[in-house]
Amino acid sequence: MITIALSKGRIFEETTPLLAAAGIVPQDDPETSRKLILDTNHADVRLIIVRASDVPTYVQYGAADLGIAGKDVLHEHGGDGLYQPLDLQIAKCRMMVAVPQGFDYEGAVKQGARLRVATKYLQTAREHFAQKGVHVDLIKLYGSMELAPLVGLADAIVDLVSSGGTLKANNLVAVEEIMQISSRLVINQAALKLKHARIQPLLDTFASCLKV
């Protein structure tokens, strides 16, 4: 049995064509089904639906053989025990620092101000500001990041930005790019050895799709 860990939403939608190219079709739609384990048209391949932030953990500990996760999630996880052979170039966005319109971010940085930064990406934010020599107090939030500066909880946020529409709607502006984000294929290192004959064709198919 080959188990592939995926998360709902954009990653699942953009992974579906890659799975189809490999001849794998899920029997249920995760957006409408309550099932967390989805059978496919192959008796030896199943999909498990987990939170995006949990995909690397399921793969690391062998509960899934493969998974697809964003660079943001993998950076926070650390990537222990994972083989990351392919950047699938899907679910693209950017990790950005954003502040309220009118906030002089560059001035605050130059003056050595200590900034309060709200984010769920603590490791990424910590590394970024440390490299810049900026002193920050990190505030862990799990959602509605844009609200934090609006109510005085934080001076800035670190979050994923796609179109920028949500920032604009909340009078925030992106002031600094931390990294480009896309989703990667991750494989359990033990599974790659033990199930190589089944996993390698999937890897080859995904790689060929990226060359088209």
N, C-alpha and C. Protein backbone atom coordinates (compact mmCIF):
# COMPACT_ATOMS: atom_id res chain seq x y z
N MET A 1 0.83 -1.20 0.00
CA MET A 1 0.00 0.00 0.00
C MET A 1 0.87 1.25 0.00
N ILE A 2 0.57 2.18 -0.89
CA ILE A 2 1.23 3.48 -0.94
C ILE A 2 0.25 4.52 -0.40
N THR A 3 0.66 5.26 0.60
CA THR A 3 -0.19 6.28 1.22
C THR A 3 0.39 7.66 0.93
N ILE A 4 -0.46 8.53 0.39
CA ILE A 4 -0.05 9.89 0.03
C ILE A 4 -0.82 10.88 0.90
N ALA A 5 -0.11 11.74 1.61
CA ALA A 5 -0.73 12.73 2.48
C ALA A 5 -0.91 14.05 1.74
N LEU A 6 -2.15 14.55 1.77
CA LEU A 6 -2.47 15.82 1.11
C LEU A 6 -3.34 16.65 2.04
N SER A 7 -3.38 17.95 1.78
CA SER A 7 -4.29 18.82 2.51
C SER A 7 -5.37 19.33 1.55
N LYS A 8 -6.49 19.69 2.12
CA LYS A 8 -7.60 20.19 1.31
C LYS A 8 -7.25 21.54 0.70
N GLY A 9 -8.08 21.95 -0.26
CA GLY A 9 -7.93 23.29 -0.82
C GLY A 9 -7.02 23.33 -2.02
N ARG A 10 -6.27 24.41 -2.10
CA ARG A 10 -5.48 24.70 -3.31
C ARG A 10 -4.47 23.62 -3.63
N ILE A 11 -3.78 23.09 -2.61
CA ILE A 11 -2.77 22.06 -2.89
C ILE A 11 -3.42 20.82 -3.48
N PHE A 12 -4.56 20.40 -2.91
CA PHE A 12 -5.23 19.21 -3.44
C PHE A 12 -5.66 19.46 -4.89
N GLU A 13 -6.26 20.62 -5.14
CA GLU A 13 -6.75 20.94 -6.48
C GLU A 13 -5.62 20.93 -7.50
N GLU A 14 -4.47 21.50 -7.14
CA GLU A 14 -3.38 21.59 -8.09
C GLU A 14 -2.56 20.31 -8.16
N THR A 15 -2.76 19.41 -7.19
CA THR A 15 -2.10 18.10 -7.25
C THR A 15 -2.89 17.11 -8.10
N THR A 16 -4.20 17.29 -8.19
CA THR A 16 -5.06 16.35 -8.91
C THR A 16 -4.58 16.07 -10.34
N PRO A 17 -4.19 17.09 -11.13
CA PRO A 17 -3.68 16.79 -12.47
C PRO A 17 -2.39 15.96 -12.46
N LEU A 18 -1.54 16.17 -11.45
CA LEU A 18 -0.31 15.38 -11.35
C LEU A 18 -0.64 13.92 -11.05
N LEU A 19 -1.59 13.71 -10.14
CA LEU A 19 -2.02 12.35 -9.83
C LEU A 19 -2.64 11.69 -11.06
N ALA A 20 -3.45 12.46 -11.78
CA ALA A 20 -4.10 11.92 -12.97
C ALA A 20 -3.07 11.50 -14.02
N ALA A 21 -2.00 12.29 -14.14
CA ALA A 21 -0.94 11.94 -15.08
C ALA A 21 -0.29 10.62 -14.71
N ALA A 22 -0.30 10.32 -13.40
CA ALA A 22 0.26 9.05 -12.93
C ALA A 22 -0.81 7.95 -12.91
N GLY A 23 -2.00 8.28 -13.40
CA GLY A 23 -3.08 7.30 -13.47
C GLY A 23 -3.80 7.08 -12.16
N ILE A 24 -3.69 8.04 -11.24
CA ILE A 24 -4.31 7.91 -9.92
C ILE A 24 -5.49 8.88 -9.81
N VAL A 25 -6.67 8.33 -9.54
CA VAL A 25 -7.87 9.16 -9.43
C VAL A 25 -8.56 8.85 -8.11
N PRO A 26 -8.73 9.85 -7.24
CA PRO A 26 -9.42 9.60 -5.96
C PRO A 26 -10.88 9.26 -6.20
N GLN A 27 -11.43 8.39 -5.36
CA GLN A 27 -12.81 7.96 -5.51
C GLN A 27 -13.79 8.94 -4.87
N ASP A 28 -13.29 9.84 -4.03
CA ASP A 28 -14.14 10.82 -3.36
C ASP A 28 -13.51 12.20 -3.46
N ASP A 29 -14.33 13.22 -3.39
CA ASP A 29 -13.87 14.61 -3.36
C ASP A 29 -13.71 15.02 -1.90
N PRO A 30 -12.50 15.40 -1.47
CA PRO A 30 -12.28 15.74 -0.06
C PRO A 30 -13.07 16.97 0.39
N GLU A 31 -13.48 17.80 -0.56
CA GLU A 31 -14.23 19.00 -0.20
C GLU A 31 -15.67 18.68 0.18
N THR A 32 -16.18 17.55 -0.30
CA THR A 32 -17.57 17.17 -0.01
C THR A 32 -17.66 15.93 0.87
N SER A 33 -16.62 15.10 0.86
CA SER A 33 -16.64 13.87 1.66
C SER A 33 -16.12 14.14 3.07
N ARG A 34 -16.65 13.43 4.03
CA ARG A 34 -16.15 13.51 5.40
C ARG A 34 -15.05 12.50 5.67
N LYS A 35 -14.75 11.68 4.68
CA LYS A 35 -13.71 10.67 4.85
C LYS A 35 -12.33 11.33 4.93
N LEU A 36 -11.50 10.78 5.79
CA LEU A 36 -10.13 11.26 5.91
C LEU A 36 -9.14 10.34 5.18
N ILE A 37 -9.62 9.15 4.83
CA ILE A 37 -8.84 8.23 4.00
C ILE A 37 -9.63 8.00 2.72
N LEU A 38 -9.05 8.39 1.59
CA LEU A 38 -9.73 8.29 0.31
C LEU A 38 -9.12 7.17 -0.53
N ASP A 39 -9.95 6.24 -0.94
CA ASP A 39 -9.50 5.21 -1.87
C ASP A 39 -9.30 5.82 -3.25
N THR A 40 -8.49 5.17 -4.06
CA THR A 40 -8.30 5.61 -5.44
C THR A 40 -8.66 4.46 -6.38
N ASN A 41 -8.49 4.69 -7.66
CA ASN A 41 -8.76 3.64 -8.64
C ASN A 41 -7.70 2.55 -8.63
N HIS A 42 -6.68 2.71 -7.79
CA HIS A 42 -5.67 1.66 -7.59
C HIS A 42 -5.84 1.09 -6.19
N ALA A 43 -5.97 -0.20 -6.10
CA ALA A 43 -6.20 -0.84 -4.80
C ALA A 43 -5.03 -0.63 -3.85
N ASP A 44 -3.84 -0.38 -4.40
CA ASP A 44 -2.65 -0.25 -3.54
C ASP A 44 -2.24 1.20 -3.32
N VAL A 45 -3.10 2.15 -3.65
CA VAL A 45 -2.79 3.57 -3.44
C VAL A 45 -3.97 4.24 -2.73
N ARG A 46 -3.69 4.93 -1.65
CA ARG A 46 -4.73 5.67 -0.94
C ARG A 46 -4.22 7.05 -0.59
N LEU A 47 -5.15 7.98 -0.40
CA LEU A 47 -4.83 9.33 -0.01
C LEU A 47 -5.34 9.56 1.40
N ILE A 48 -4.58 10.27 2.21
CA ILE A 48 -5.08 10.68 3.52
C ILE A 48 -5.12 12.20 3.57
N ILE A 49 -6.19 12.72 4.14
CA ILE A 49 -6.41 14.16 4.17
C ILE A 49 -6.08 14.67 5.56
N VAL A 50 -5.07 15.54 5.65
CA VAL A 50 -4.61 16.06 6.94
C VAL A 50 -4.43 17.57 6.83
N ARG A 51 -4.23 18.21 7.96
CA ARG A 51 -3.92 19.64 7.95
C ARG A 51 -2.60 19.86 7.22
N ALA A 52 -2.50 20.98 6.51
CA ALA A 52 -1.28 21.25 5.74
C ALA A 52 -0.04 21.19 6.63
N SER A 53 -0.14 21.73 7.83
CA SER A 53 1.01 21.77 8.73
C SER A 53 1.40 20.40 9.27
N ASP A 54 0.51 19.41 9.11
CA ASP A 54 0.79 18.06 9.62
C ASP A 54 1.37 17.12 8.57
N VAL A 55 1.35 17.52 7.30
CA VAL A 55 1.82 16.63 6.24
C VAL A 55 3.25 16.15 6.49
N PRO A 56 4.22 17.03 6.80
CA PRO A 56 5.59 16.54 7.02
C PRO A 56 5.70 15.55 8.17
N THR A 57 4.88 15.73 9.20
CA THR A 57 4.93 14.83 10.36
C THR A 57 4.44 13.44 9.99
N TYR A 58 3.35 13.36 9.25
CA TYR A 58 2.83 12.05 8.81
C TYR A 58 3.86 11.33 7.95
N VAL A 59 4.55 12.07 7.09
CA VAL A 59 5.55 11.45 6.22
C VAL A 59 6.80 11.09 7.01
N GLN A 60 7.24 11.97 7.89
CA GLN A 60 8.44 11.71 8.69
C GLN A 60 8.34 10.42 9.48
N TYR A 61 7.17 10.18 10.08
CA TYR A 61 7.02 9.01 10.94
C TYR A 61 6.46 7.79 10.22
N GLY A 62 6.30 7.89 8.90
CA GLY A 62 5.93 6.73 8.11
C GLY A 62 4.45 6.42 8.06
N ALA A 63 3.61 7.29 8.61
CA ALA A 63 2.16 7.10 8.50
C ALA A 63 1.71 7.35 7.06
N ALA A 64 2.52 8.12 6.33
CA ALA A 64 2.33 8.31 4.90
C ALA A 64 3.68 8.09 4.23
N ASP A 65 3.65 7.54 3.03
CA ASP A 65 4.90 7.31 2.30
C ASP A 65 5.36 8.57 1.58
N LEU A 66 4.38 9.30 1.05
CA LEU A 66 4.66 10.52 0.34
C LEU A 66 3.70 11.60 0.82
N GLY A 67 4.04 12.85 0.52
CA GLY A 67 3.13 13.95 0.82
C GLY A 67 3.49 15.15 -0.03
N ILE A 68 2.59 16.11 -0.03
CA ILE A 68 2.87 17.35 -0.74
C ILE A 68 2.62 18.49 0.23
N ALA A 69 3.64 19.31 0.42
CA ALA A 69 3.56 20.39 1.42
C ALA A 69 4.27 21.63 0.91
N GLY A 70 3.81 22.78 1.36
CA GLY A 70 4.42 24.04 0.97
C GLY A 70 5.78 24.23 1.61
N LYS A 71 6.61 25.03 0.96
CA LYS A 71 7.93 25.34 1.49
C LYS A 71 7.82 25.99 2.86
N ASP A 72 6.75 26.76 3.06
CA ASP A 72 6.54 27.42 4.35
C ASP A 72 6.40 26.41 5.48
N VAL A 73 5.61 25.37 5.21
CA VAL A 73 5.38 24.32 6.21
C VAL A 73 6.66 23.51 6.44
N LEU A 74 7.35 23.19 5.38
CA LEU A 74 8.57 22.39 5.50
C LEU A 74 9.67 23.15 6.23
N HIS A 75 9.74 24.45 6.01
CA HIS A 75 10.74 25.27 6.69
C HIS A 75 10.48 25.29 8.20
N GLU A 76 9.22 25.40 8.57
CA GLU A 76 8.87 25.39 9.99
C GLU A 76 9.13 24.03 10.61
N HIS A 77 8.86 22.97 9.85
CA HIS A 77 9.02 21.61 10.36
C HIS A 77 10.49 21.25 10.53
N GLY A 78 11.30 21.72 9.58
CA GLY A 78 12.72 21.41 9.64
C GLY A 78 13.16 20.34 8.66
N GLY A 79 12.21 19.52 8.18
CA GLY A 79 12.53 18.54 7.16
C GLY A 79 13.23 17.29 7.63
N ASP A 80 13.26 17.03 8.95
CA ASP A 80 13.94 15.84 9.46
C ASP A 80 13.30 14.56 8.91
N GLY A 81 14.13 13.66 8.43
CA GLY A 81 13.66 12.36 7.95
C GLY A 81 12.92 12.41 6.64
N LEU A 82 12.99 13.52 5.92
CA LEU A 82 12.25 13.66 4.68
C LEU A 82 13.19 13.82 3.49
N TYR A 83 12.86 13.16 2.40
CA TYR A 83 13.53 13.35 1.13
C TYR A 83 12.66 14.30 0.32
N GLN A 84 13.24 15.37 -0.19
CA GLN A 84 12.48 16.39 -0.92
C GLN A 84 13.01 16.48 -2.35
N PRO A 85 12.60 15.54 -3.22
CA PRO A 85 13.20 15.46 -4.55
C PRO A 85 12.68 16.48 -5.56
N LEU A 86 11.45 16.99 -5.36
CA LEU A 86 10.86 17.83 -6.39
C LEU A 86 10.15 19.06 -5.83
N ASP A 87 10.42 20.19 -6.44
CA ASP A 87 9.60 21.37 -6.26
C ASP A 87 8.53 21.30 -7.34
N LEU A 88 7.28 21.08 -6.97
CA LEU A 88 6.22 20.85 -7.94
C LEU A 88 5.72 22.13 -8.60
N GLN A 89 6.17 23.27 -8.10
CA GLN A 89 5.80 24.56 -8.70
C GLN A 89 4.29 24.80 -8.70
N ILE A 90 3.63 24.33 -7.64
CA ILE A 90 2.19 24.57 -7.49
C ILE A 90 1.93 25.34 -6.20
N ALA A 91 0.71 25.88 -6.08
CA ALA A 91 0.31 26.66 -4.90
C ALA A 91 1.33 27.74 -4.59
N LYS A 92 1.71 28.49 -5.61
CA LYS A 92 2.74 29.51 -5.44
C LYS A 92 2.21 30.75 -4.71
N CYS A 93 3.04 31.31 -3.88
CA CYS A 93 2.75 32.58 -3.20
C CYS A 93 4.07 33.10 -2.63
N ARG A 94 3.99 34.12 -1.76
CA ARG A 94 5.20 34.69 -1.18
C ARG A 94 5.03 34.86 0.32
N MET A 95 6.09 34.63 1.05
CA MET A 95 6.11 34.93 2.47
C MET A 95 6.57 36.38 2.61
N MET A 96 5.71 37.20 3.24
CA MET A 96 5.97 38.64 3.28
C MET A 96 5.85 39.21 4.68
N VAL A 97 6.55 40.32 4.89
CA VAL A 97 6.30 41.18 6.05
C VAL A 97 5.31 42.24 5.61
N ALA A 98 4.25 42.44 6.39
CA ALA A 98 3.26 43.46 6.05
C ALA A 98 2.98 44.32 7.27
N VAL A 99 2.68 45.59 7.02
CA VAL A 99 2.42 46.56 8.09
C VAL A 99 1.21 47.41 7.69
N PRO A 100 0.63 48.13 8.65
CA PRO A 100 -0.46 49.05 8.31
C PRO A 100 0.03 50.16 7.38
N GLN A 101 -0.84 50.60 6.49
CA GLN A 101 -0.48 51.71 5.62
C GLN A 101 -0.10 52.92 6.47
N GLY A 102 0.99 53.56 6.11
CA GLY A 102 1.45 54.73 6.85
C GLY A 102 2.50 54.42 7.91
N PHE A 103 2.68 53.13 8.23
CA PHE A 103 3.70 52.76 9.21
C PHE A 103 5.07 52.80 8.54
N ASP A 104 6.01 53.52 9.11
CA ASP A 104 7.34 53.66 8.53
C ASP A 104 8.21 52.47 8.95
N TYR A 105 8.07 51.38 8.23
CA TYR A 105 8.79 50.15 8.57
C TYR A 105 10.31 50.35 8.42
N GLU A 106 10.73 50.91 7.29
CA GLU A 106 12.16 51.11 7.07
C GLU A 106 12.76 52.02 8.14
N GLY A 107 12.02 53.07 8.50
CA GLY A 107 12.50 53.97 9.53
C GLY A 107 12.64 53.29 10.88
N ALA A 108 11.66 52.46 11.21
CA ALA A 108 11.70 51.73 12.48
C ALA A 108 12.89 50.78 12.53
N VAL A 109 13.16 50.11 11.39
CA VAL A 109 14.29 49.18 11.33
C VAL A 109 15.60 49.93 11.48
N LYS A 110 15.74 51.04 10.79
CA LYS A 110 16.98 51.82 10.84
C LYS A 110 17.24 52.37 12.24
N GLN A 111 16.17 52.74 12.94
CA GLN A 111 16.32 53.31 14.28
C GLN A 111 16.53 52.24 15.36
N GLY A 112 16.45 50.96 14.94
CA GLY A 112 16.67 49.88 15.89
C GLY A 112 15.49 49.64 16.82
N ALA A 113 14.29 50.02 16.35
CA ALA A 113 13.09 49.82 17.17
C ALA A 113 12.83 48.33 17.38
N ARG A 114 12.26 47.99 18.52
CA ARG A 114 11.87 46.61 18.79
C ARG A 114 10.43 46.44 18.31
N LEU A 115 10.23 45.57 17.35
CA LEU A 115 8.93 45.41 16.72
C LEU A 115 8.19 44.20 17.27
N ARG A 116 6.89 44.34 17.40
CA ARG A 116 6.03 43.21 17.73
C ARG A 116 5.49 42.65 16.42
N VAL A 117 5.74 41.36 16.19
CA VAL A 117 5.38 40.74 14.92
C VAL A 117 4.48 39.53 15.18
N ALA A 118 3.31 39.54 14.57
CA ALA A 118 2.37 38.43 14.70
C ALA A 118 2.54 37.48 13.52
N THR A 119 2.58 36.19 13.80
CA THR A 119 2.75 35.21 12.73
C THR A 119 2.49 33.81 13.27
N LYS A 120 2.22 32.88 12.36
CA LYS A 120 2.24 31.47 12.76
C LYS A 120 3.53 30.79 12.29
N TYR A 121 4.36 31.57 11.60
CA TYR A 121 5.63 31.05 11.09
C TYR A 121 6.78 31.57 11.95
N LEU A 122 6.84 31.07 13.18
CA LEU A 122 7.80 31.60 14.15
C LEU A 122 9.25 31.37 13.72
N GLN A 123 9.56 30.18 13.26
CA GLN A 123 10.94 29.87 12.88
C GLN A 123 11.40 30.73 11.72
N THR A 124 10.54 30.84 10.72
CA THR A 124 10.88 31.64 9.53
C THR A 124 11.07 33.11 9.91
N ALA A 125 10.14 33.64 10.70
CA ALA A 125 10.23 35.05 11.11
C ALA A 125 11.46 35.29 11.97
N ARG A 126 11.73 34.37 12.89
CA ARG A 126 12.89 34.53 13.79
C ARG A 126 14.19 34.59 12.98
N GLU A 127 14.33 33.69 12.02
CA GLU A 127 15.54 33.67 11.20
C GLU A 127 15.67 34.94 10.35
N HIS A 128 14.55 35.36 9.77
CA HIS A 128 14.57 36.53 8.89
C HIS A 128 15.02 37.78 9.63
N PHE A 129 14.39 38.04 10.76
CA PHE A 129 14.72 39.27 11.49
C PHE A 129 16.09 39.19 12.15
N ALA A 130 16.52 37.99 12.53
CA ALA A 130 17.85 37.83 13.10
C ALA A 130 18.92 38.16 12.06
N GLN A 131 18.69 37.74 10.82
CA GLN A 131 19.64 38.03 9.74
C GLN A 131 19.73 39.52 9.47
N LYS A 132 18.61 40.24 9.69
CA LYS A 132 18.59 41.68 9.47
C LYS A 132 19.08 42.46 10.70
N GLY A 133 19.24 41.75 11.82
CA GLY A 133 19.65 42.41 13.04
C GLY A 133 18.54 43.23 13.68
N VAL A 134 17.30 42.81 13.39
CA VAL A 134 16.13 43.53 13.93
C VAL A 134 15.62 42.80 15.17
N HIS A 135 15.40 43.54 16.24
CA HIS A 135 14.88 42.96 17.47
C HIS A 135 13.36 42.88 17.39
N VAL A 136 12.83 41.69 17.62
CA VAL A 136 11.38 41.51 17.52
C VAL A 136 10.85 40.69 18.69
N ASP A 137 9.61 40.93 19.03
CA ASP A 137 8.85 40.07 19.92
C ASP A 137 7.84 39.36 19.05
N LEU A 138 7.95 38.04 18.96
CA LEU A 138 7.06 37.27 18.10
C LEU A 138 5.81 36.85 18.86
N ILE A 139 4.67 37.03 18.22
CA ILE A 139 3.38 36.68 18.80
C ILE A 139 2.76 35.59 17.93
N LYS A 140 2.54 34.40 18.51
CA LYS A 140 2.02 33.28 17.74
C LYS A 140 0.50 33.40 17.58
N LEU A 141 0.06 33.44 16.32
CA LEU A 141 -1.36 33.41 15.99
C LEU A 141 -1.58 32.29 15.00
N TYR A 142 -2.82 31.81 14.93
CA TYR A 142 -3.14 30.70 14.04
C TYR A 142 -4.00 31.12 12.85
N GLY A 143 -4.53 32.34 12.88
CA GLY A 143 -5.36 32.79 11.78
C GLY A 143 -5.71 34.25 11.93
N SER A 144 -6.39 34.79 10.90
CA SER A 144 -6.79 36.20 10.88
C SER A 144 -5.63 37.10 11.24
N MET A 145 -4.49 36.83 10.63
CA MET A 145 -3.26 37.56 10.95
C MET A 145 -3.40 39.06 10.74
N GLU A 146 -4.18 39.43 9.70
CA GLU A 146 -4.31 40.84 9.35
C GLU A 146 -4.95 41.67 10.46
N LEU A 147 -5.66 41.01 11.35
CA LEU A 147 -6.34 41.73 12.43
C LEU A 147 -5.35 42.29 13.46
N ALA A 148 -4.25 41.60 13.67
CA ALA A 148 -3.32 41.95 14.75
C ALA A 148 -2.84 43.41 14.73
N PRO A 149 -2.39 43.92 13.58
CA PRO A 149 -1.96 45.33 13.59
C PRO A 149 -3.13 46.30 13.72
N LEU A 150 -4.30 45.89 13.28
CA LEU A 150 -5.46 46.78 13.28
C LEU A 150 -5.97 47.06 14.69
N VAL A 151 -5.72 46.14 15.62
CA VAL A 151 -6.21 46.32 16.99
C VAL A 151 -5.07 46.58 17.97
N GLY A 152 -3.87 46.81 17.44
CA GLY A 152 -2.75 47.16 18.29
C GLY A 152 -2.01 46.00 18.91
N LEU A 153 -2.31 44.79 18.47
CA LEU A 153 -1.61 43.63 19.02
C LEU A 153 -0.17 43.54 18.51
N ALA A 154 0.04 43.98 17.26
CA ALA A 154 1.36 43.86 16.65
C ALA A 154 1.63 45.06 15.75
N ASP A 155 2.92 45.32 15.51
CA ASP A 155 3.32 46.36 14.57
C ASP A 155 3.32 45.84 13.14
N ALA A 156 3.58 44.55 12.99
CA ALA A 156 3.71 43.95 11.67
C ALA A 156 3.28 42.49 11.73
N ILE A 157 3.09 41.90 10.56
CA ILE A 157 2.78 40.48 10.48
C ILE A 157 3.73 39.82 9.48
N VAL A 158 3.93 38.54 9.63
CA VAL A 158 4.61 37.73 8.63
C VAL A 158 3.62 36.67 8.20
N ASP A 159 3.28 36.67 6.92
CA ASP A 159 2.25 35.75 6.45
C ASP A 159 2.43 35.50 4.96
N LEU A 160 1.67 34.52 4.45
CA LEU A 160 1.67 34.23 3.03
C LEU A 160 0.81 35.23 2.30
N VAL A 161 1.28 35.67 1.15
CA VAL A 161 0.54 36.62 0.32
C VAL A 161 0.46 36.06 -1.09
N SER A 162 -0.76 36.01 -1.61
CA SER A 162 -0.96 35.54 -2.97
C SER A 162 -1.27 36.73 -3.87
N SER A 163 -2.52 37.17 -3.89
CA SER A 163 -2.89 38.32 -4.72
C SER A 163 -2.67 39.65 -4.00
N GLY A 164 -2.65 39.61 -2.67
CA GLY A 164 -2.54 40.84 -1.90
C GLY A 164 -3.88 41.49 -1.60
N GLY A 165 -4.94 40.85 -2.07
CA GLY A 165 -6.28 41.42 -1.88
C GLY A 165 -6.70 41.54 -0.43
N THR A 166 -6.36 40.52 0.39
CA THR A 166 -6.74 40.55 1.80
C THR A 166 -6.00 41.66 2.54
N LEU A 167 -4.71 41.83 2.21
CA LEU A 167 -3.96 42.93 2.83
C LEU A 167 -4.59 44.28 2.49
N LYS A 168 -4.87 44.48 1.23
CA LYS A 168 -5.44 45.76 0.78
C LYS A 168 -6.78 46.04 1.45
N ALA A 169 -7.61 44.98 1.58
CA ALA A 169 -8.93 45.15 2.18
C ALA A 169 -8.84 45.55 3.65
N ASN A 170 -7.71 45.25 4.27
CA ASN A 170 -7.53 45.56 5.69
C ASN A 170 -6.50 46.67 5.91
N ASN A 171 -6.26 47.46 4.85
CA ASN A 171 -5.37 48.62 4.94
C ASN A 171 -3.96 48.26 5.39
N LEU A 172 -3.50 47.11 4.90
CA LEU A 172 -2.11 46.71 5.16
C LEU A 172 -1.34 46.71 3.84
N VAL A 173 -0.04 46.82 3.94
CA VAL A 173 0.79 46.81 2.74
C VAL A 173 2.01 45.92 2.97
N ALA A 174 2.36 45.12 1.96
CA ALA A 174 3.54 44.27 2.06
C ALA A 174 4.78 45.12 1.86
N VAL A 175 5.73 45.00 2.76
CA VAL A 175 6.92 45.85 2.71
C VAL A 175 8.22 45.08 2.48
N GLU A 176 8.17 43.75 2.62
CA GLU A 176 9.42 42.99 2.49
C GLU A 176 9.11 41.54 2.17
N GLU A 177 9.78 41.02 1.16
CA GLU A 177 9.62 39.60 0.81
C GLU A 177 10.65 38.78 1.55
N ILE A 178 10.19 37.71 2.20
CA ILE A 178 11.10 36.81 2.91
C ILE A 178 11.52 35.65 2.01
N MET A 179 10.55 35.04 1.33
CA MET A 179 10.89 33.95 0.42
C MET A 179 9.73 33.66 -0.52
N GLN A 180 10.06 33.08 -1.67
CA GLN A 180 9.06 32.56 -2.60
C GLN A 180 8.62 31.19 -2.08
N ILE A 181 7.31 30.95 -2.17
CA ILE A 181 6.75 29.70 -1.67
C ILE A 181 6.12 28.90 -2.80
N SER A 182 6.37 27.61 -2.81
CA SER A 182 5.66 26.68 -3.68
C SER A 182 5.62 25.35 -2.95
N SER A 183 4.89 24.39 -3.50
CA SER A 183 4.73 23.11 -2.80
C SER A 183 5.68 22.06 -3.35
N ARG A 184 6.17 21.22 -2.45
CA ARG A 184 7.16 20.21 -2.79
C ARG A 184 6.67 18.80 -2.48
N LEU A 185 7.18 17.86 -3.24
CA LEU A 185 6.94 16.45 -2.96
C LEU A 185 7.93 16.01 -1.89
N VAL A 186 7.41 15.39 -0.84
CA VAL A 186 8.28 14.87 0.22
C VAL A 186 8.03 13.37 0.35
N ILE A 187 9.08 12.63 0.62
CA ILE A 187 9.01 11.17 0.68
C ILE A 187 9.69 10.68 1.94
N ASN A 188 9.08 9.72 2.60
CA ASN A 188 9.70 9.08 3.75
C ASN A 188 10.92 8.30 3.26
N GLN A 189 12.07 8.52 3.88
CA GLN A 189 13.32 7.94 3.40
C GLN A 189 13.30 6.41 3.44
N ALA A 190 12.71 5.85 4.49
CA ALA A 190 12.63 4.38 4.58
C ALA A 190 11.71 3.82 3.50
N ALA A 191 10.58 4.51 3.27
CA ALA A 191 9.62 4.05 2.26
C ALA A 191 10.24 4.08 0.88
N LEU A 192 11.09 5.08 0.62
CA LEU A 192 11.72 5.18 -0.69
C LEU A 192 12.58 3.95 -0.98
N LYS A 193 13.19 3.39 0.06
CA LYS A 193 14.00 2.19 -0.11
C LYS A 193 13.13 0.93 -0.19
N LEU A 194 12.18 0.81 0.74
CA LEU A 194 11.39 -0.40 0.84
C LEU A 194 10.34 -0.53 -0.25
N LYS A 195 9.84 0.62 -0.74
CA LYS A 195 8.77 0.60 -1.75
C LYS A 195 9.24 1.30 -3.03
N HIS A 196 10.51 1.20 -3.30
CA HIS A 196 11.10 1.94 -4.41
C HIS A 196 10.43 1.62 -5.74
N ALA A 197 10.09 0.35 -5.97
CA ALA A 197 9.52 -0.05 -7.25
C ALA A 197 8.17 0.62 -7.52
N ARG A 198 7.46 0.97 -6.46
CA ARG A 198 6.15 1.61 -6.63
C ARG A 198 6.26 3.13 -6.58
N ILE A 199 7.18 3.63 -5.78
CA ILE A 199 7.30 5.08 -5.61
C ILE A 199 8.04 5.74 -6.77
N GLN A 200 9.09 5.09 -7.28
CA GLN A 200 9.91 5.72 -8.32
C GLN A 200 9.10 6.09 -9.56
N PRO A 201 8.18 5.22 -10.05
CA PRO A 201 7.38 5.64 -11.21
C PRO A 201 6.55 6.89 -10.95
N LEU A 202 6.03 7.04 -9.72
CA LEU A 202 5.29 8.26 -9.38
C LEU A 202 6.21 9.47 -9.44
N LEU A 203 7.39 9.32 -8.88
CA LEU A 203 8.37 10.39 -8.88
C LEU A 203 8.74 10.77 -10.32
N ASP A 204 8.94 9.77 -11.17
CA ASP A 204 9.30 10.03 -12.56
C ASP A 204 8.18 10.75 -13.31
N THR A 205 6.95 10.32 -13.04
CA THR A 205 5.79 10.96 -13.71
C THR A 205 5.65 12.41 -13.30
N PHE A 206 5.75 12.67 -12.00
CA PHE A 206 5.66 14.05 -11.53
C PHE A 206 6.77 14.91 -12.14
N ALA A 207 7.98 14.35 -12.19
CA ALA A 207 9.11 15.09 -12.77
C ALA A 207 8.88 15.40 -14.24
N SER A 208 8.32 14.43 -14.96
CA SER A 208 8.07 14.65 -16.40
C SER A 208 7.00 15.71 -16.62
N CYS A 209 6.04 15.79 -15.72
CA CYS A 209 4.98 16.80 -15.84
C CYS A 209 5.56 18.21 -15.71
N LEU A 210 6.61 18.35 -14.89
CA LEU A 210 7.22 19.66 -14.67
C LEU A 210 8.00 20.13 -15.90
N LYS A 211 8.38 19.19 -16.76
CA LYS A 211 9.18 19.54 -17.93
C LYS A 211 8.32 19.93 -19.12
N VAL A 212 7.01 19.65 -19.03
CA VAL A 212 6.11 19.94 -20.15
C VAL A 212 5.88 21.44 -20.27
